[in-house]
Protein backbone atom coordinates (compact mmCIF):
# COMPACT_ATOMS: atom_id res chain seq x y z
CA MET A 1 125.31 74.93 58.68
CA SER A 2 122.77 75.97 56.23
CA GLY A 3 119.85 77.91 57.61
CA SER A 4 121.21 78.45 61.13
CA ILE A 5 120.96 81.88 62.69
CA ALA A 6 123.55 83.16 65.14
CA VAL A 7 121.92 84.87 68.09
CA VAL A 8 123.94 87.45 69.95
CA ILE A 9 122.59 88.43 73.33
CA ALA A 10 124.00 91.63 74.73
CA THR A 11 124.11 91.98 78.47
CA PRO A 12 122.36 95.18 79.49
CA PRO A 13 124.23 97.47 81.85
CA PRO A 14 123.29 97.10 85.52
CA PRO A 15 120.80 99.65 86.80
CA THR A 16 121.96 102.69 88.70
CA LEU A 17 120.35 104.29 91.72
CA SER A 18 119.36 107.93 92.24
CA PHE A 19 118.62 109.22 95.72
CA LEU A 20 114.96 110.28 96.04
CA PHE A 21 114.44 111.07 99.73
CA ARG A 22 115.18 110.24 103.34
CA LEU A 23 112.19 109.07 105.32
CA GLU A 24 112.26 109.57 109.10
CA VAL A 25 109.34 107.85 110.82
CA GLN A 26 108.29 107.96 114.47
CA VAL A 27 106.66 104.74 115.61
CA GLY A 28 104.58 103.68 118.59
CA ALA A 29 104.99 100.69 120.87
CA PRO A 30 104.74 97.37 119.02
CA VAL A 31 101.58 95.34 119.48
CA ASP A 32 102.79 91.75 119.81
CA LEU A 33 100.12 89.33 118.59
CA GLY A 34 102.15 86.22 119.39
CA VAL A 35 101.99 83.22 117.08
CA VAL A 36 98.93 83.45 114.84
CA GLY A 37 98.44 81.42 111.70
CA GLY A 38 101.72 79.68 112.44
CA GLU A 39 103.80 82.87 112.45
CA HIS A 40 104.90 85.28 115.18
CA ARG A 41 103.36 88.61 114.26
CA ARG A 42 103.40 92.15 115.57
CA ILE A 43 102.06 95.48 114.43
CA VAL A 44 104.02 98.70 114.89
CA PRO A 45 101.94 101.91 114.61
CA ILE A 46 103.34 104.65 112.38
CA LEU A 47 102.70 107.96 114.16
CA SER A 48 104.34 110.67 112.05
CA GLY A 49 107.47 111.56 110.19
CA THR A 50 109.15 113.52 107.45
CA ILE A 51 110.44 112.96 103.94
CA GLU A 52 113.22 115.11 102.59
CA GLY A 53 115.09 114.89 99.33
CA PRO A 54 116.57 117.12 96.67
CA GLU A 55 113.22 117.58 94.90
CA ILE A 56 110.60 116.32 97.32
CA ARG A 57 109.70 117.17 100.91
CA GLY A 58 106.73 116.31 103.04
CA THR A 59 105.30 114.57 106.07
CA VAL A 60 104.27 111.05 106.98
CA LEU A 61 100.60 110.96 107.95
CA ASP A 62 99.38 109.38 111.18
CA GLY A 63 97.45 106.13 110.79
CA GLY A 64 99.86 103.79 109.07
CA ALA A 65 101.42 100.65 110.47
CA ASP A 66 104.23 98.19 109.91
CA PHE A 67 103.00 94.58 109.92
CA GLN A 68 105.86 92.31 110.91
CA VAL A 69 106.54 88.59 110.86
CA LEU A 70 109.32 87.51 113.24
CA HIS A 71 111.22 84.34 112.35
CA PRO A 72 113.05 82.13 114.88
CA ASP A 73 116.39 82.83 113.15
CA GLY A 74 115.95 86.57 113.79
CA ARG A 75 114.75 87.62 110.34
CA GLN A 76 111.96 90.14 110.39
CA MET A 77 109.73 90.42 107.34
CA LEU A 78 108.25 93.91 107.24
CA GLU A 79 105.25 95.31 105.42
CA ALA A 80 104.54 98.96 106.10
CA ARG A 81 101.53 100.84 104.71
CA TYR A 82 101.10 104.56 105.25
CA GLY A 83 100.30 107.89 103.65
CA ILE A 84 102.52 110.85 102.93
CA GLU A 85 101.75 114.43 102.02
CA THR A 86 104.23 116.52 100.06
CA ASP A 87 104.88 120.15 100.89
CA ASP A 88 102.94 121.06 97.73
CA GLY A 89 99.84 119.36 99.18
CA VAL A 90 99.87 116.09 97.21
CA ARG A 91 98.89 112.99 99.17
CA MET A 92 100.29 109.59 98.23
CA TYR A 93 100.01 106.03 99.45
CA VAL A 94 103.09 103.93 100.22
CA GLU A 95 103.48 100.16 100.51
CA ASN A 96 106.91 99.14 101.68
CA ARG A 97 108.01 95.50 101.97
CA GLY A 98 111.32 94.80 103.61
CA LEU A 99 113.68 92.51 105.45
CA ARG A 100 115.64 93.20 108.60
CA ALA A 101 118.21 90.65 109.78
CA GLY A 102 121.13 90.55 112.15
CA SER A 103 122.54 88.68 115.09
CA ALA A 104 120.18 87.74 117.92
CA GLU A 105 122.20 90.01 120.21
CA ASP A 106 121.93 93.06 117.93
CA LEU A 107 118.23 92.54 117.22
CA GLY A 108 117.64 92.14 120.96
CA ARG A 109 119.36 95.46 121.60
CA ILE A 110 117.15 97.13 118.98
CA ALA A 111 114.05 95.60 120.64
CA LYS A 112 115.17 97.18 123.94
CA GLY A 113 115.37 100.60 122.27
CA GLU A 114 119.15 100.68 122.03
CA ARG A 115 121.01 102.00 119.01
CA VAL A 116 122.95 99.44 116.96
CA ASP A 117 125.49 100.31 114.27
CA PRO A 118 123.47 100.09 111.02
CA ALA A 119 126.37 98.26 109.35
CA ARG A 120 125.60 95.30 111.66
CA ILE A 121 121.97 95.01 110.51
CA TYR A 122 120.79 94.09 107.02
CA PHE A 123 117.74 96.31 106.49
CA ARG A 124 116.53 96.66 102.91
CA SER A 125 113.12 97.33 101.45
CA GLN A 126 111.12 97.72 98.26
CA PRO A 127 108.86 100.77 98.57
CA GLN A 128 106.09 101.31 96.08
CA LEU A 129 104.62 104.79 95.80
CA PHE A 130 101.11 105.48 94.51
CA ALA A 131 100.62 109.09 93.43
CA PRO A 132 97.61 110.87 91.91
CA ALA A 133 97.67 112.54 88.51
CA GLY A 134 99.90 115.58 88.55
CA PRO A 135 103.50 116.47 89.32
CA TRP A 136 104.35 113.24 91.17
CA GLU A 137 102.53 110.84 88.84
CA TRP A 138 105.87 109.65 87.41
CA LEU A 139 106.48 107.83 90.72
CA ASN A 140 103.81 105.30 89.70
CA SER A 141 106.02 104.01 86.89
CA ARG A 142 109.28 103.59 88.79
CA MET A 143 110.77 101.00 91.13
CA PHE A 144 112.54 101.90 94.34
CA VAL A 145 114.87 100.38 96.88
CA GLY A 146 115.35 101.46 100.47
CA VAL A 147 118.22 101.13 102.92
CA GLY A 148 117.02 101.38 106.51
CA GLU A 149 118.11 101.89 110.07
CA ARG A 150 116.05 101.24 113.19
CA ALA A 151 116.61 104.04 115.69
CA PRO A 152 115.34 103.97 119.30
CA LEU A 153 112.21 106.01 118.51
CA GLY A 154 111.69 105.28 114.87
CA VAL A 155 113.01 104.27 111.49
CA ARG A 156 115.22 106.05 108.98
CA LEU A 157 114.95 104.90 105.38
CA ASP A 158 116.92 106.26 102.43
CA VAL A 159 114.89 105.67 99.26
CA PHE A 160 116.48 105.42 95.81
CA VAL A 161 114.94 105.28 92.33
CA ILE A 162 116.16 102.32 90.28
CA ASP A 163 117.10 104.03 87.01
């Protein structure tokens, strides 16, 4: 064929993950709003917590919340918004959207404050960190993924940078 151009598309390698920190958050009692706007909603206050990783440590600031939508099939759509302060005094804002799913029995046990093997619950999230200019500014230009566990008094979330 005269004039045809062969196009070769190389498949890029899949991204890797690098551990950034573990987030341990203490939460308050859920505020169940019932069905509003056609969806069952509740708000879970974020009271305090810690972040700890190889290069970053800090605390979770009081005043955040996790806004949840509960679906009849047991899925829980999560949207947490809160502040953190690093040990070097830098304050950041976090928006974390996630999904928690499992059997009705396991989710019921979690709702009662019981511990459930995290392997039985699918709990993943997409945190976004907003940092001011300075040593943590690079976080603004990265994507993250979180793997979570709901504990009786809070949430544990391991956060990874998508390289």
